[in-house]
Amino acid sequence: MFVEAFLHAVALDLGWFVDIVMNNLFWAFFFAAAGYAFYKSPIKGGVMLTLLIWAQVDIANALGWTFGKGFLFLPLSVFVATIVVNSFFGKQEWFKKNSLLVPLVLIYGLFTFINLFVV
């Protein structure tokens, strides 16, 4: 999905993005709420979470993973780890600047862990 979304963004195909949002209104509002909870910005955070999940699915497909053996555990692990990291470092100035980078590092770190030790 991430690669497909990237190609539609390069082609300036706004209709594809409108179609995705309108056909998945529950998920659009869910990711907006999660974006507000994590990043205090529903649009920016929702788009970031959506891109992370799309990238996660594309990387898992590229590595040949199936929806088992820890793959479904990964999103939960990322959200719990993000909450833990936010609770410890939420008031630090350097963390406030890089708060969008933390889930990205966590998700790719957990990808590596699952790829090396679980699968």
Protein backbone atom coordinates (compact mmCIF):
# COMPACT_ATOMS: atom_id res chain seq x y z
CA MET A 1 0.00 0.00 0.00
CA PHE A 2 2.82 2.41 0.80
CA VAL A 3 4.40 2.04 -2.63
CA GLU A 4 1.00 2.31 -4.30
CA ALA A 5 0.20 5.46 -2.28
CA PHE A 6 3.59 6.92 -3.17
CA LEU A 7 2.99 6.31 -6.88
CA HIS A 8 -0.46 7.92 -6.69
CA ALA A 9 1.03 10.89 -4.82
CA VAL A 10 3.70 11.33 -7.50
CA ALA A 11 0.99 11.16 -10.17
CA LEU A 12 -1.05 13.75 -8.21
CA ASP A 13 -4.03 11.36 -8.17
CA LEU A 14 -6.07 13.06 -5.45
CA GLY A 15 -9.15 11.01 -6.35
CA TRP A 16 -7.43 7.82 -5.20
CA PHE A 17 -6.76 9.27 -1.74
CA VAL A 18 -10.33 10.62 -1.48
CA ASP A 19 -11.62 7.18 -2.45
CA ILE A 20 -9.46 5.48 0.21
CA VAL A 21 -10.65 7.86 2.93
CA MET A 22 -14.32 7.78 1.93
CA ASN A 23 -14.39 3.98 1.73
CA ASN A 24 -12.66 3.65 5.11
CA LEU A 25 -14.22 6.40 7.22
CA PHE A 26 -13.99 4.40 10.46
CA TRP A 27 -10.26 3.91 10.03
CA ALA A 28 -9.75 7.51 8.94
CA PHE A 29 -11.36 8.79 12.14
CA PHE A 30 -9.62 6.13 14.23
CA PHE A 31 -6.20 7.13 12.90
CA ALA A 32 -7.06 10.81 13.37
CA ALA A 33 -7.93 10.09 17.02
CA ALA A 34 -4.76 8.05 17.50
CA GLY A 35 -2.76 10.82 15.82
CA TYR A 36 -4.24 13.34 18.22
CA ALA A 37 -3.47 11.08 21.19
CA PHE A 38 0.13 10.48 20.16
CA TYR A 39 1.16 13.66 18.33
CA LYS A 40 -1.42 16.32 19.35
CA SER A 41 -2.13 16.82 15.66
CA PRO A 42 -4.87 14.63 14.18
CA ILE A 43 -3.99 15.18 10.52
CA LYS A 44 -0.21 14.93 10.82
CA GLY A 45 -0.33 12.06 13.30
CA GLY A 46 -3.03 10.16 11.42
CA VAL A 47 -1.11 10.39 8.17
CA MET A 48 2.09 9.31 9.93
CA LEU A 49 0.40 6.28 11.51
CA THR A 50 -1.23 5.34 8.21
CA LEU A 51 2.10 5.53 6.37
CA LEU A 52 3.82 3.48 9.07
CA ILE A 53 1.21 0.74 8.86
CA TRP A 54 1.27 0.72 5.06
CA ALA A 55 5.07 0.52 5.12
CA GLN A 56 4.88 -2.26 7.70
CA VAL A 57 2.59 -4.33 5.48
CA ASP A 58 4.74 -3.72 2.38
CA ILE A 59 7.96 -4.65 4.17
CA ALA A 60 6.34 -7.77 5.61
CA ASN A 61 5.18 -8.80 2.13
CA ALA A 62 8.62 -8.11 0.67
CA LEU A 63 10.24 -10.28 3.36
CA GLY A 64 7.73 -13.03 2.72
CA TRP A 65 6.07 -12.87 6.11
CA THR A 66 2.51 -13.99 6.58
CA PHE A 67 -0.02 -12.63 9.04
CA GLY A 68 1.18 -14.89 11.81
CA LYS A 69 4.21 -15.59 13.99
CA GLY A 70 4.39 -12.23 15.66
CA PHE A 71 3.37 -10.02 12.76
CA LEU A 72 0.08 -9.17 14.43
CA PHE A 73 1.96 -8.56 17.65
CA LEU A 74 4.08 -5.84 16.01
CA PRO A 75 1.53 -2.98 15.86
CA LEU A 76 0.55 -3.56 19.48
CA SER A 77 4.22 -3.61 20.46
CA VAL A 78 4.88 -0.34 18.64
CA PHE A 79 1.93 1.43 20.30
CA VAL A 80 2.85 0.15 23.78
CA ALA A 81 6.51 1.01 23.27
CA THR A 82 5.54 4.49 22.03
CA ILE A 83 3.42 5.07 25.12
CA VAL A 84 6.26 3.92 27.38
CA VAL A 85 8.84 6.10 25.62
CA ASN A 86 6.45 9.09 25.70
CA SER A 87 5.87 8.64 29.42
CA PHE A 88 9.60 8.59 30.17
CA PHE A 89 10.87 11.23 27.76
CA GLY A 90 7.74 13.31 27.04
CA LYS A 91 8.98 16.43 28.80
CA GLN A 92 12.48 16.44 27.32
CA GLU A 93 13.17 19.15 24.73
CA TRP A 94 15.09 16.87 22.34
CA PHE A 95 12.22 14.38 22.41
CA LYS A 96 9.60 16.98 21.54
CA LYS A 97 11.49 17.83 18.35
CA ASN A 98 11.84 14.18 17.31
CA SER A 99 8.55 12.75 18.55
CA LEU A 100 7.52 11.58 15.07
CA LEU A 101 10.82 9.74 14.64
CA VAL A 102 10.40 7.56 17.75
CA PRO A 103 7.66 5.25 16.38
CA LEU A 104 9.61 4.93 13.14
CA VAL A 105 12.73 3.76 14.98
CA LEU A 106 10.62 1.48 17.18
CA ILE A 107 8.82 -0.15 14.29
CA TYR A 108 11.96 -0.88 12.30
CA GLY A 109 13.73 -2.09 15.45
CA LEU A 110 10.86 -4.46 16.16
CA PHE A 111 10.87 -5.56 12.51
CA THR A 112 14.52 -6.47 12.88
CA PHE A 113 13.87 -8.29 16.15
CA ILE A 114 11.00 -10.32 14.70
CA ASN A 115 12.93 -11.05 11.52
CA LEU A 116 15.99 -12.28 13.40
CA PHE A 117 14.48 -14.05 16.38
CA VAL A 118 10.81 -14.91 15.81
CA VAL A 119 10.55 -16.02 12.18
